[in-house]
C-alpha atoms as a PDB file:
ATOM      1  CA  UNK A   1     -16.756 -17.383  -0.062  1.00  0.00           C
ATOM      2  CA  UNK A   2     -17.910 -15.770  -3.285  1.00  0.00           C
ATOM      3  CA  UNK A   3     -15.783 -16.680  -6.173  1.00  0.00           C
ATOM      4  CA  UNK A   4     -14.530 -13.956  -8.492  1.00  0.00           C
ATOM      5  CA  UNK A   5     -16.249 -13.851 -11.933  1.00  0.00           C
ATOM      6  CA  UNK A   6     -14.271 -14.949 -14.967  1.00  0.00           C
ATOM      7  CA  UNK A   7     -14.981 -15.661 -18.588  1.00  0.00           C
ATOM      8  CA  UNK A   8     -16.267 -19.138 -17.810  1.00  0.00           C
ATOM      9  CA  UNK A   9     -18.818 -17.865 -15.286  1.00  0.00           C
ATOM     10  CA  UNK A  10     -22.208 -18.839 -16.219  1.00  0.00           C
ATOM     11  CA  UNK A  11     -25.088 -16.420 -15.691  1.00  0.00           C
ATOM     12  CA  UNK A  12     -28.442 -17.898 -15.137  1.00  0.00           C
ATOM     13  CA  UNK A  13     -31.603 -16.053 -14.856  1.00  0.00           C
ATOM     14  CA  UNK A  14     -33.969 -16.981 -12.178  1.00  0.00           C
ATOM     15  CA  UNK A  15     -37.346 -15.274 -11.437  1.00  0.00           C
ATOM     16  CA  UNK A  16     -37.132 -13.318 -14.725  1.00  0.00           C
ATOM     17  CA  UNK A  17     -40.365 -11.613 -13.990  1.00  0.00           C
ATOM     18  CA  UNK A  18     -38.732 -10.219 -10.695  1.00  0.00           C
ATOM     19  CA  UNK A  19     -35.601  -9.398 -12.562  1.00  0.00           C
ATOM     20  CA  UNK A  20     -33.467 -11.480 -10.226  1.00  0.00           C
ATOM     21  CA  UNK A  21     -29.989 -12.467 -11.623  1.00  0.00           C
ATOM     22  CA  UNK A  22     -27.883 -15.263 -10.100  1.00  0.00           C
ATOM     23  CA  UNK A  23     -24.294 -16.042 -11.019  1.00  0.00           C
ATOM     24  CA  UNK A  24     -23.131 -19.648 -10.915  1.00  0.00           C
ATOM     25  CA  UNK A  25     -19.397 -20.120 -10.671  1.00  0.00           C
ATOM     26  CA  UNK A  26     -17.678 -22.694 -12.701  1.00  0.00           C
ATOM     27  CA  UNK A  27     -15.855 -25.755 -11.258  1.00  0.00           C
ATOM     28  CA  UNK A  28     -12.316 -25.085 -10.375  1.00  0.00           C
ATOM     29  CA  UNK A  29      -9.670 -26.879 -12.510  1.00  0.00           C
ATOM     30  CA  UNK A  30      -6.337 -28.008 -10.936  1.00  0.00           C
ATOM     31  CA  UNK A  31      -4.387 -25.024 -12.363  1.00  0.00           C
ATOM     32  CA  UNK A  32      -7.196 -22.710 -10.954  1.00  0.00           C
ATOM     33  CA  UNK A  33      -6.722 -24.074  -7.557  1.00  0.00           C
ATOM     34  CA  UNK A  34      -2.997 -23.452  -7.736  1.00  0.00           C
ATOM     35  CA  UNK A  35      -3.710 -19.795  -8.839  1.00  0.00           C
ATOM     36  CA  UNK A  36      -6.064 -19.306  -5.972  1.00  0.00           C
ATOM     37  CA  UNK A  37      -3.502 -20.567  -3.554  1.00  0.00           C
ATOM     38  CA  UNK A  38      -0.780 -18.325  -4.929  1.00  0.00           C
ATOM     39  CA  UNK A  39      -3.144 -15.231  -4.502  1.00  0.00           C
ATOM     40  CA  UNK A  40      -3.490 -15.742  -0.813  1.00  0.00           C
ATOM     41  CA  UNK A  41      -1.994 -13.002   1.236  1.00  0.00           C
ATOM     42  CA  UNK A  42       1.135 -13.126   3.329  1.00  0.00           C
ATOM     43  CA  UNK A  43       2.425 -10.403   5.661  1.00  0.00           C
ATOM     44  CA  UNK A  44       5.799  -8.772   5.604  1.00  0.00           C
ATOM     45  CA  UNK A  45       7.385  -8.918   9.028  1.00  0.00           C
ATOM     46  CA  UNK A  46       9.988  -6.124   9.710  1.00  0.00           C
ATOM     47  CA  UNK A  47      12.821  -7.384  11.852  1.00  0.00           C
ATOM     48  CA  UNK A  48      12.817  -5.803  15.248  1.00  0.00           C
ATOM     49  CA  UNK A  49      16.337  -4.673  14.857  1.00  0.00           C
ATOM     50  CA  UNK A  50      15.653  -2.756  11.626  1.00  0.00           C
ATOM     51  CA  UNK A  51      17.080   0.764  12.229  1.00  0.00           C
ATOM     52  CA  UNK A  52      14.600   2.600   9.902  1.00  0.00           C
ATOM     53  CA  UNK A  53      11.669   1.403  12.120  1.00  0.00           C
ATOM     54  CA  UNK A  54      13.514   1.071  15.389  1.00  0.00           C
ATOM     55  CA  UNK A  55      11.179   2.856  17.799  1.00  0.00           C
ATOM     56  CA  UNK A  56       7.956   2.585  15.921  1.00  0.00           C
ATOM     57  CA  UNK A  57       8.014  -1.334  15.108  1.00  0.00           C
ATOM     58  CA  UNK A  58       5.404  -1.923  17.905  1.00  0.00           C
ATOM     59  CA  UNK A  59       2.882   0.341  16.248  1.00  0.00           C
ATOM     60  CA  UNK A  60       1.782  -2.406  13.953  1.00  0.00           C
ATOM     61  CA  UNK A  61       0.608  -4.712  16.760  1.00  0.00           C
ATOM     62  CA  UNK A  62      -0.633  -1.929  18.808  1.00  0.00           C
ATOM     63  CA  UNK A  63      -2.968  -0.566  16.115  1.00  0.00           C
ATOM     64  CA  UNK A  64      -3.662  -3.924  14.473  1.00  0.00           C
ATOM     65  CA  UNK A  65      -2.228  -3.625  10.966  1.00  0.00           C
ATOM     66  CA  UNK A  66       0.538  -4.968   8.797  1.00  0.00           C
ATOM     67  CA  UNK A  67       3.512  -2.921   7.337  1.00  0.00           C
ATOM     68  CA  UNK A  68       2.851  -4.631   3.996  1.00  0.00           C
ATOM     69  CA  UNK A  69       0.879  -7.486   2.566  1.00  0.00           C
ATOM     70  CA  UNK A  70       1.668  -9.586  -0.516  1.00  0.00           C
ATOM     71  CA  UNK A  71      -1.256 -10.718  -2.618  1.00  0.00           C
ATOM     72  CA  UNK A  72      -1.892 -11.448  -6.131  1.00  0.00           C
ATOM     73  CA  UNK A  73       1.528 -10.591  -7.311  1.00  0.00           C
ATOM     74  CA  UNK A  74       1.541  -7.139  -5.599  1.00  0.00           C
ATOM     75  CA  UNK A  75       2.923  -5.704  -2.416  1.00  0.00           C
ATOM     76  CA  UNK A  76       0.537  -3.294  -0.571  1.00  0.00           C
ATOM     77  CA  UNK A  77       2.351  -1.049   1.608  1.00  0.00           C
ATOM     78  CA  UNK A  78       0.526   0.510   4.678  1.00  0.00           C
ATOM     79  CA  UNK A  79       0.548   4.387   4.896  1.00  0.00           C
ATOM     80  CA  UNK A  80       4.063   5.543   5.928  1.00  0.00           C
ATOM     81  CA  UNK A  81       4.519   8.665   8.003  1.00  0.00           C
ATOM     82  CA  UNK A  82       7.286  11.048   8.728  1.00  0.00           C
ATOM     83  CA  UNK A  83       8.621   9.401  11.939  1.00  0.00           C
ATOM     84  CA  UNK A  84      12.312   9.275  12.624  1.00  0.00           C
ATOM     85  CA  UNK A  85      13.950   6.042  13.817  1.00  0.00           C
ATOM     86  CA  UNK A  86      14.020   7.459  17.343  1.00  0.00           C
ATOM     87  CA  UNK A  87      10.180   7.642  17.125  1.00  0.00           C
ATOM     88  CA  UNK A  88       9.991  11.430  16.939  1.00  0.00           C
ATOM     89  CA  UNK A  89       8.018  13.181  14.118  1.00  0.00           C
ATOM     90  CA  UNK A  90       9.952  15.166  11.428  1.00  0.00           C
ATOM     91  CA  UNK A  91       9.853  18.901  11.992  1.00  0.00           C
ATOM     92  CA  UNK A  92       9.180  20.014   8.461  1.00  0.00           C
ATOM     93  CA  UNK A  93       6.946  18.627   5.567  1.00  0.00           C
ATOM     94  CA  UNK A  94      10.089  18.158   3.672  1.00  0.00           C
ATOM     95  CA  UNK A  95      11.599  15.968   6.497  1.00  0.00           C
ATOM     96  CA  UNK A  96       8.368  14.084   6.936  1.00  0.00           C
ATOM     97  CA  UNK A  97       8.204  13.307   3.197  1.00  0.00           C
ATOM     98  CA  UNK A  98      11.769  12.207   3.197  1.00  0.00           C
ATOM     99  CA  UNK A  99      11.250   9.962   6.216  1.00  0.00           C
ATOM    100  CA  UNK A 100       8.025   8.497   4.787  1.00  0.00           C
ATOM    101  CA  UNK A 101       9.721   7.777   1.429  1.00  0.00           C
ATOM    102  CA  UNK A 102      12.712   6.197   3.282  1.00  0.00           C
ATOM    103  CA  UNK A 103      10.322   3.854   5.194  1.00  0.00           C
ATOM    104  CA  UNK A 104       8.716   2.897   1.918  1.00  0.00           C
ATOM    105  CA  UNK A 105      12.036   2.283   0.251  1.00  0.00           C
ATOM    106  CA  UNK A 106      13.131   0.119   3.175  1.00  0.00           C
ATOM    107  CA  UNK A 107       9.948  -1.958   3.051  1.00  0.00           C
ATOM    108  CA  UNK A 108      10.633  -2.468  -0.725  1.00  0.00           C
ATOM    109  CA  UNK A 109      14.267  -3.404  -0.002  1.00  0.00           C
ATOM    110  CA  UNK A 110      13.082  -6.012   2.570  1.00  0.00           C
ATOM    111  CA  UNK A 111      11.111  -7.605  -0.355  1.00  0.00           C
ATOM    112  CA  UNK A 112      13.973  -7.338  -2.947  1.00  0.00           C
ATOM    113  CA  UNK A 113      12.262  -4.486  -4.566  1.00  0.00           C
ATOM    114  CA  UNK A 114      13.038  -0.800  -5.204  1.00  0.00           C
ATOM    115  CA  UNK A 115      11.153   2.367  -6.113  1.00  0.00           C
ATOM    116  CA  UNK A 116      11.051   1.407  -9.695  1.00  0.00           C
ATOM    117  CA  UNK A 117       8.672  -1.400  -8.691  1.00  0.00           C
ATOM    118  CA  UNK A 118       5.925   0.878  -7.469  1.00  0.00           C
ATOM    119  CA  UNK A 119       2.826   0.924  -9.654  1.00  0.00           C
ATOM    120  CA  UNK A 120       0.681   3.198  -7.485  1.00  0.00           C
ATOM    121  CA  UNK A 121       1.188   5.764  -4.750  1.00  0.00           C
ATOM    122  CA  UNK A 122      -1.319   7.816  -2.882  1.00  0.00           C
ATOM    123  CA  UNK A 123      -0.074  10.730  -0.663  1.00  0.00           C
ATOM    124  CA  UNK A 124      -2.291  12.454   1.888  1.00  0.00           C
ATOM    125  CA  UNK A 125      -1.527  16.031   2.728  1.00  0.00           C
ATOM    126  CA  UNK A 126      -2.590  18.260   5.581  1.00  0.00           C
ATOM    127  CA  UNK A 127      -2.725  21.937   4.484  1.00  0.00           C
ATOM    128  CA  UNK A 128      -1.822  20.962   0.935  1.00  0.00           C
ATOM    129  CA  UNK A 129      -1.780  24.546  -0.413  1.00  0.00           C
ATOM    130  CA  UNK A 130       1.071  25.495   1.880  1.00  0.00           C
ATOM    131  CA  UNK A 131       2.936  22.102   1.974  1.00  0.00           C
ATOM    132  CA  UNK A 132       2.833  20.906  -1.639  1.00  0.00           C
ATOM    133  CA  UNK A 133       6.063  22.664  -2.666  1.00  0.00           C
ATOM    134  CA  UNK A 134       8.148  21.222   0.162  1.00  0.00           C
ATOM    135  CA  UNK A 135       6.700  17.669  -0.564  1.00  0.00           C
ATOM    136  CA  UNK A 136       7.463  17.893  -4.355  1.00  0.00           C
ATOM    137  CA  UNK A 137      11.067  18.870  -3.675  1.00  0.00           C
ATOM    138  CA  UNK A 138      11.524  15.743  -1.418  1.00  0.00           C
ATOM    139  CA  UNK A 139       9.564  13.540  -3.664  1.00  0.00           C
ATOM    140  CA  UNK A 140      11.685  14.387  -6.804  1.00  0.00           C
ATOM    141  CA  UNK A 141      14.712  12.729  -5.019  1.00  0.00           C
ATOM    142  CA  UNK A 142      12.848   9.433  -4.845  1.00  0.00           C
ATOM    143  CA  UNK A 143      10.736   9.379  -7.925  1.00  0.00           C
ATOM    144  CA  UNK A 144      12.368   7.364 -10.665  1.00  0.00           C
ATOM    145  CA  UNK A 145      11.266   6.270 -14.141  1.00  0.00           C
ATOM    146  CA  UNK A 146       9.162   4.534 -14.979  1.00  0.00           C
ATOM    147  CA  UNK A 147       6.934   6.597 -12.663  1.00  0.00           C
ATOM    148  CA  UNK A 148       4.126   5.033 -10.711  1.00  0.00           C
ATOM    149  CA  UNK A 149       0.523   6.282 -10.931  1.00  0.00           C
ATOM    150  CA  UNK A 150       0.368   8.919  -8.170  1.00  0.00           C
ATOM    151  CA  UNK A 151      -2.503  10.623  -6.520  1.00  0.00           C
ATOM    152  CA  UNK A 152      -2.127  13.629  -4.181  1.00  0.00           C
ATOM    153  CA  UNK A 153      -4.937  14.207  -1.878  1.00  0.00           C
ATOM    154  CA  UNK A 154      -5.377  17.088   0.506  1.00  0.00           C
ATOM    155  CA  UNK A 155      -7.014  16.168   3.908  1.00  0.00           C
ATOM    156  CA  UNK A 156      -7.954  17.808   7.105  1.00  0.00           C
ATOM    157  CA  UNK A 157      -5.844  15.812   9.521  1.00  0.00           C
ATOM    158  CA  UNK A 158      -3.961  12.748  10.168  1.00  0.00           C
ATOM    159  CA  UNK A 159      -3.736  10.760  13.424  1.00  0.00           C
ATOM    160  CA  UNK A 160      -1.505  13.288  15.169  1.00  0.00           C
ATOM    161  CA  UNK A 161      -1.703  17.060  14.664  1.00  0.00           C
ATOM    162  CA  UNK A 162       2.061  17.035  13.981  1.00  0.00           C
ATOM    163  CA  UNK A 163       1.772  14.619  11.138  1.00  0.00           C
ATOM    164  CA  UNK A 164       1.494  16.579   7.750  1.00  0.00           C
ATOM    165  CA  UNK A 165       2.025  13.616   5.197  1.00  0.00           C
ATOM    166  CA  UNK A 166       1.227   9.960   4.798  1.00  0.00           C
ATOM    167  CA  UNK A 167       2.251   7.931   1.763  1.00  0.00           C
ATOM    168  CA  UNK A 168       0.610   4.601   0.847  1.00  0.00           C
ATOM    169  CA  UNK A 169       2.027   2.491  -2.049  1.00  0.00           C
ATOM    170  CA  UNK A 170       1.508  -0.610  -4.096  1.00  0.00           C
ATOM    171  CA  UNK A 171       4.416  -2.415  -5.817  1.00  0.00           C
ATOM    172  CA  UNK A 172       4.597  -5.142  -8.355  1.00  0.00           C
ATOM    173  CA  UNK A 173       6.408  -8.247  -6.999  1.00  0.00           C
ATOM    174  CA  UNK A 174       9.168  -9.630  -9.172  1.00  0.00           C
ATOM    175  CA  UNK A 175       8.730 -13.187 -10.358  1.00  0.00           C
END
């Protein structure tokens, strides 16, 4: 495993004529070992009886991903889509946005967090020119100060032709 660089990293030049640079990591101290252990990832498990994710809970195993991962003091939330609890896709961009944000809020709730803990949000939009207004109206009901950094990206398609929005987020865990 390659260790991350820090201020105590020592850079040594080898083969100066060839311009090769090697980085020698410092020895880990006891407190560094504890920090490294704390930075390991853990996965959020959504209870199978959770009403928000009722019909779609099996998707995580089926497609091989986690709903959210804790690492380095952050919660990385997988892209949330506009799927109803019965498994059907929302009919409109506004409904899909509302559902995706409800799913995000529920993941945050399971971690003892809320929308104010979000630090970054990225939303992916199919046909953004026609759908942005409906998205913004739904987003305004969930966006709270202090606002997270938010990137809005137009794309050609998502995994189903009926999906119009996907929202991925990162939240700061509370100490």
